[in-house]
Amino acid sequence: MSTQSALLKVMSDAARKAARGLNRDFGELAELQVAKKAPADFVSAADLKAEQVLFESLTKARPGYGFLGEERGMIEGSDKTHRWIVDPLDGTTNFLHAIPHFAINIALEREGVVVAALTHNPITNDTFWAEKGKGCFVNDKRLRVAARKHMDEAVFATGIPFLGHGQHATFLKELHQISQRVAGVRRFGAASLDLAWVAAGRFDGYWERDLKPWDLAAGVLLVTEAGGKVTDADGGSDILTKGSICAGNLDLHPQLLSRLTAAK
């Protein structure tokens, strides 16, 4: 069991506050779906409201920190060494379809390095969190990546490119290389929770391309602090800039990466 630091408490309080609004909106959205109304505008409003709550809470607690959010882009702070990287609603398409699998993602970057991370699932009320050098937790329970060593017993997560996004041909080649060698491939629709679940040992690994910094920043630290390895999909360390990822335990990461390389 571990107690959150003052910094993590700030992040946790902000996420829980934003989660209350998202849970309310999700309940209304489920009703909208039944009524066959078009809920897209409703979702973008939910997104914006959640980000506003996070921005206000984090800025009040740590004045001067920069803020990179999915909705408002980059806001420079007076403190150039710190930057929040925030996704108020990761898994928007799930939310839009009343599928209860989405998350709030908060990472803190200090001098270009992510030092604190939090991924909160409003529906299950689970909070995955980590600080650099201090381990990874869900609520108050310590997490470790899965111990499986062989692809044929492993379950991997991924994302599938959709309309107007991503490299469809590349993805199909990668899926062909991986799916015939593993116990399963899952596509749940929220990169933040895919990474949190790798940290928790539920997924053995995860790969995806064409992601944004706010999709990845928190999860990279979660997996690393849970004892896993994370690179970009080409094996480099340029994860947030390239927007691609390959994550797993120390045994499976190189095997997953070699399949991605073979798909080229």
Protein backbone atom coordinates (compact mmCIF):
# COMPACT_ATOMS: atom_id res chain seq x y z
CA MET A 1 0.00 0.00 0.00
CA SER A 2 1.24 3.48 -0.81
CA THR A 3 0.12 6.98 0.08
CA GLN A 4 -0.01 9.53 -2.70
CA SER A 5 2.35 12.51 -2.53
CA ALA A 6 0.98 16.07 -2.40
CA LEU A 7 1.54 16.31 -6.18
CA LEU A 8 -0.37 13.10 -6.92
CA LYS A 9 -3.16 14.22 -4.59
CA VAL A 10 -3.53 17.42 -6.64
CA MET A 11 -3.80 15.32 -9.82
CA SER A 12 -6.17 12.81 -8.24
CA ASP A 13 -8.50 15.49 -6.85
CA ALA A 14 -8.63 17.24 -10.24
CA ALA A 15 -9.42 13.96 -12.04
CA ARG A 16 -12.16 12.99 -9.59
CA LYS A 17 -13.77 16.41 -9.90
CA ALA A 18 -13.78 16.14 -13.72
CA ALA A 19 -15.02 12.52 -13.48
CA ARG A 20 -18.19 13.58 -11.65
CA GLY A 21 -19.20 15.71 -14.64
CA LEU A 22 -18.28 12.99 -17.15
CA ASN A 23 -20.29 10.37 -15.25
CA ARG A 24 -23.34 12.68 -15.23
CA ASP A 25 -22.93 13.41 -18.94
CA PHE A 26 -22.41 9.71 -19.71
CA GLY A 27 -25.70 8.88 -17.99
CA GLU A 28 -27.50 11.49 -20.07
CA LEU A 29 -25.75 10.31 -23.21
CA ALA A 30 -26.96 6.74 -22.67
CA GLU A 31 -30.51 8.16 -22.66
CA LEU A 32 -29.79 10.20 -25.82
CA GLN A 33 -28.55 7.05 -27.58
CA VAL A 34 -31.85 5.30 -26.85
CA ALA A 35 -33.73 8.31 -28.24
CA LYS A 36 -31.64 8.11 -31.46
CA LYS A 37 -30.59 11.77 -31.30
CA ALA A 38 -27.20 12.86 -32.65
CA PRO A 39 -25.03 13.21 -29.54
CA ALA A 40 -21.74 14.40 -31.12
CA ASP A 41 -22.14 18.02 -29.95
CA PHE A 42 -23.04 16.80 -26.50
CA VAL A 43 -19.76 14.86 -26.33
CA SER A 44 -17.59 17.78 -27.42
CA ALA A 45 -19.30 19.87 -24.72
CA ALA A 46 -18.53 17.14 -22.14
CA ASP A 47 -14.90 17.11 -23.32
CA LEU A 48 -14.57 20.89 -22.99
CA LYS A 49 -16.25 20.99 -19.57
CA ALA A 50 -13.95 18.26 -18.23
CA GLU A 51 -10.86 20.02 -19.55
CA GLN A 52 -12.00 23.32 -18.00
CA VAL A 53 -12.37 21.62 -14.59
CA LEU A 54 -8.91 20.05 -14.91
CA PHE A 55 -7.31 23.30 -16.08
CA GLU A 56 -8.81 25.28 -13.19
CA SER A 57 -7.96 22.69 -10.53
CA LEU A 58 -4.39 22.07 -11.68
CA THR A 59 -3.64 25.77 -12.28
CA LYS A 60 -5.00 26.74 -8.87
CA ALA A 61 -2.84 24.10 -7.16
CA ARG A 62 0.30 24.76 -9.21
CA PRO A 63 0.17 28.33 -10.59
CA GLY A 64 2.53 29.05 -13.46
CA TYR A 65 2.84 25.52 -14.83
CA GLY A 66 2.34 25.20 -18.60
CA PHE A 67 -0.69 23.23 -19.84
CA LEU A 68 -0.99 21.11 -22.98
CA GLY A 69 -4.58 19.92 -23.41
CA GLU A 70 -6.36 18.14 -26.23
CA GLU A 71 -9.03 20.83 -26.50
CA ARG A 72 -7.16 24.09 -25.86
CA GLY A 73 -3.68 23.21 -27.14
CA MET A 74 -0.57 24.61 -25.45
CA ILE A 75 -0.80 27.36 -22.84
CA GLU A 76 2.57 28.72 -21.76
CA GLY A 77 3.10 29.21 -18.04
CA SER A 78 5.50 31.48 -16.19
CA ASP A 79 7.26 28.31 -14.94
CA LYS A 80 8.99 27.02 -18.09
CA THR A 81 10.29 23.86 -16.38
CA HIS A 82 6.87 22.27 -15.71
CA ARG A 83 4.05 21.32 -18.06
CA TRP A 84 0.81 19.41 -17.55
CA ILE A 85 -0.17 17.12 -20.45
CA VAL A 86 -3.89 16.41 -20.23
CA ASP A 87 -6.56 14.44 -22.08
CA PRO A 88 -9.92 15.19 -20.42
CA LEU A 89 -11.68 12.32 -22.19
CA ASP A 90 -9.66 9.55 -23.83
CA GLY A 91 -11.98 7.13 -25.57
CA THR A 92 -14.35 9.77 -26.95
CA THR A 93 -15.83 7.39 -29.53
CA ASN A 94 -16.66 4.90 -26.76
CA PHE A 95 -18.25 7.72 -24.76
CA LEU A 96 -20.21 8.84 -27.83
CA HIS A 97 -21.65 5.33 -28.23
CA ALA A 98 -22.43 4.91 -24.52
CA ILE A 99 -19.67 2.28 -24.17
CA PRO A 100 -18.40 2.51 -20.57
CA HIS A 101 -14.65 2.46 -21.31
CA PHE A 102 -12.89 5.84 -21.24
CA ALA A 103 -10.48 7.75 -19.02
CA ILE A 104 -9.04 11.04 -17.82
CA ASN A 105 -5.29 11.27 -18.44
CA ILE A 106 -2.93 13.64 -16.58
CA ALA A 107 0.87 13.70 -16.80
CA LEU A 108 3.35 16.21 -15.41
CA GLU A 109 6.51 16.93 -17.36
CA ARG A 110 9.53 18.43 -15.59
CA GLU A 111 12.26 19.74 -17.92
CA GLY A 112 10.95 17.53 -20.71
CA VAL A 113 10.70 14.34 -18.62
CA VAL A 114 7.37 12.91 -17.38
CA VAL A 115 7.71 12.62 -13.58
CA ALA A 116 4.12 11.97 -12.49
CA ALA A 117 1.20 10.22 -14.19
CA LEU A 118 -2.43 9.50 -13.47
CA THR A 119 -5.10 7.68 -15.50
CA HIS A 120 -8.57 7.70 -13.94
CA ASN A 121 -11.46 5.53 -15.13
CA PRO A 122 -14.66 7.35 -14.08
CA ILE A 123 -16.94 4.32 -14.57
CA THR A 124 -14.97 1.86 -12.41
CA ASN A 125 -13.53 4.61 -10.17
CA ASP A 126 -10.04 3.11 -10.61
CA THR A 127 -7.06 5.47 -10.47
CA PHE A 128 -3.77 4.25 -11.96
CA TRP A 129 -0.85 6.42 -10.86
CA ALA A 130 2.92 6.59 -10.74
CA GLU A 131 5.77 8.91 -9.84
CA LYS A 132 9.20 8.54 -11.38
CA GLY A 133 11.31 6.16 -9.29
CA LYS A 134 8.47 5.31 -6.87
CA GLY A 135 6.54 2.51 -8.57
CA CYS A 136 3.10 2.17 -10.15
CA PHE A 137 -0.23 1.68 -8.36
CA VAL A 138 -3.94 1.26 -8.94
CA ASN A 139 -5.77 2.93 -6.05
CA ASP A 140 -3.55 1.72 -3.16
CA LYS A 141 -2.32 -1.54 -4.71
CA ARG A 142 1.18 -1.92 -6.22
CA LEU A 143 1.26 -2.98 -9.88
CA ARG A 144 3.72 -5.09 -11.86
CA VAL A 145 3.67 -5.95 -15.55
CA ALA A 146 2.71 -9.55 -16.43
CA ALA A 147 5.41 -12.23 -16.17
CA ARG A 148 4.58 -14.16 -19.37
CA LYS A 149 7.58 -14.79 -21.60
CA HIS A 150 6.14 -16.29 -24.80
CA MET A 151 3.99 -14.68 -27.50
CA ASP A 152 1.75 -17.74 -27.80
CA GLU A 153 0.40 -17.21 -24.27
CA ALA A 154 0.20 -13.42 -24.48
CA VAL A 155 -2.70 -11.04 -25.13
CA PHE A 156 -1.79 -7.74 -26.82
CA ALA A 157 -3.78 -4.54 -27.18
CA THR A 158 -3.73 -2.23 -30.19
CA GLY A 159 -5.70 0.50 -31.93
CA ILE A 160 -7.19 0.20 -35.42
CA PRO A 161 -6.90 3.18 -37.77
CA PHE A 162 -10.30 4.65 -38.56
CA LEU A 163 -11.80 7.03 -41.12
CA GLY A 164 -9.34 9.75 -42.03
CA HIS A 165 -6.74 8.62 -39.51
CA GLY A 166 -3.70 6.41 -39.59
CA GLN A 167 -1.87 4.03 -41.84
CA HIS A 168 -4.36 1.28 -42.68
CA ALA A 169 -2.01 -0.84 -44.85
CA THR A 170 0.77 -0.69 -42.22
CA PHE A 171 -1.66 -1.72 -39.48
CA LEU A 172 -2.92 -4.74 -41.46
CA LYS A 173 0.66 -5.92 -42.07
CA GLU A 174 1.48 -5.56 -38.36
CA LEU A 175 -1.71 -7.36 -37.34
CA HIS A 176 -0.87 -10.20 -39.74
CA GLN A 177 2.61 -10.55 -38.20
CA ILE A 178 1.32 -10.53 -34.61
CA SER A 179 -2.15 -12.11 -34.54
CA GLN A 180 -1.05 -15.52 -35.84
CA ARG A 181 1.57 -15.82 -33.05
CA VAL A 182 -0.39 -14.76 -29.95
CA ALA A 183 -3.24 -15.87 -27.69
CA GLY A 184 -5.25 -12.78 -28.57
CA VAL A 185 -5.35 -9.19 -29.79
CA ARG A 186 -7.76 -6.69 -28.25
CA ARG A 187 -8.93 -3.27 -29.41
CA PHE A 188 -10.78 -1.43 -26.62
CA GLY A 189 -10.59 2.15 -27.88
CA ALA A 190 -8.73 4.06 -25.13
CA ALA A 191 -4.93 4.20 -25.37
CA SER A 192 -4.67 5.46 -21.78
CA LEU A 193 -6.39 2.37 -20.39
CA ASP A 194 -4.49 0.04 -22.75
CA LEU A 195 -1.25 1.28 -21.17
CA ALA A 196 -2.68 1.23 -17.63
CA TRP A 197 -3.72 -2.38 -18.22
CA VAL A 198 -0.23 -3.30 -19.47
CA ALA A 199 1.09 -1.83 -16.20
CA ALA A 200 -1.49 -3.91 -14.30
CA GLY A 201 -0.48 -7.13 -16.10
CA ARG A 202 -3.90 -7.53 -17.75
CA PHE A 203 -2.47 -7.00 -21.23
CA ASP A 204 1.00 -8.42 -21.96
CA GLY A 205 1.80 -5.64 -24.41
CA TYR A 206 0.43 -2.89 -26.59
CA TRP A 207 1.32 -1.23 -29.89
CA GLU A 208 -0.20 1.63 -31.86
CA ARG A 209 0.68 4.48 -34.23
CA ASP A 210 -0.70 7.97 -34.91
CA LEU A 211 -1.32 8.97 -31.31
CA LYS A 212 -0.97 12.34 -29.56
CA PRO A 213 1.21 13.24 -26.53
CA TRP A 214 -1.84 13.41 -24.25
CA ASP A 215 -2.78 9.83 -25.22
CA LEU A 216 0.64 8.50 -24.22
CA ALA A 217 2.46 10.69 -21.67
CA ALA A 218 0.87 9.22 -18.53
CA GLY A 219 0.83 5.59 -19.70
CA VAL A 220 4.51 5.51 -20.63
CA LEU A 221 5.44 6.27 -17.00
CA LEU A 222 2.83 3.82 -15.63
CA VAL A 223 4.30 0.92 -17.64
CA THR A 224 7.93 1.87 -16.93
CA GLU A 225 7.30 2.18 -13.18
CA ALA A 226 5.50 -1.19 -13.23
CA GLY A 227 8.71 -2.77 -14.54
CA GLY A 228 7.91 -2.77 -18.25
CA LYS A 229 9.68 -1.40 -21.31
CA VAL A 230 8.32 1.25 -23.65
CA THR A 231 9.72 2.52 -26.97
CA ASP A 232 8.24 4.04 -30.08
CA ALA A 233 7.04 1.49 -32.67
CA ASP A 234 10.45 1.61 -34.37
CA GLY A 235 12.38 0.83 -31.16
CA GLY A 236 13.50 4.41 -30.45
CA SER A 237 12.79 6.74 -27.53
CA ASP A 238 10.90 9.38 -29.49
CA ILE A 239 7.46 8.28 -28.28
CA LEU A 240 5.63 11.59 -27.75
CA THR A 241 7.02 13.24 -30.90
CA LYS A 242 6.50 10.24 -33.19
CA GLY A 243 3.16 9.35 -31.62
CA SER A 244 3.82 5.63 -31.86
CA ILE A 245 4.34 3.06 -29.12
CA CYS A 246 5.45 -0.48 -28.37
CA ALA A 247 5.05 -1.54 -24.73
CA GLY A 248 5.43 -4.79 -22.84
CA ASN A 249 7.44 -6.62 -20.20
CA LEU A 250 11.18 -7.11 -20.67
CA ASP A 251 10.70 -10.52 -22.34
CA LEU A 252 7.82 -9.67 -24.67
CA HIS A 253 8.74 -6.12 -25.71
CA PRO A 254 11.62 -7.24 -28.01
CA GLN A 255 9.45 -10.01 -29.48
CA LEU A 256 6.61 -7.59 -30.23
CA LEU A 257 9.06 -5.08 -31.69
CA SER A 258 10.63 -7.70 -33.96
CA ARG A 259 7.17 -8.50 -35.41
CA LEU A 260 6.54 -4.78 -36.04
CA THR A 261 9.92 -4.57 -37.79
CA ALA A 262 9.12 -7.66 -39.87
CA ALA A 263 5.88 -6.00 -41.03
CA LYS A 264 7.74 -3.16 -42.77
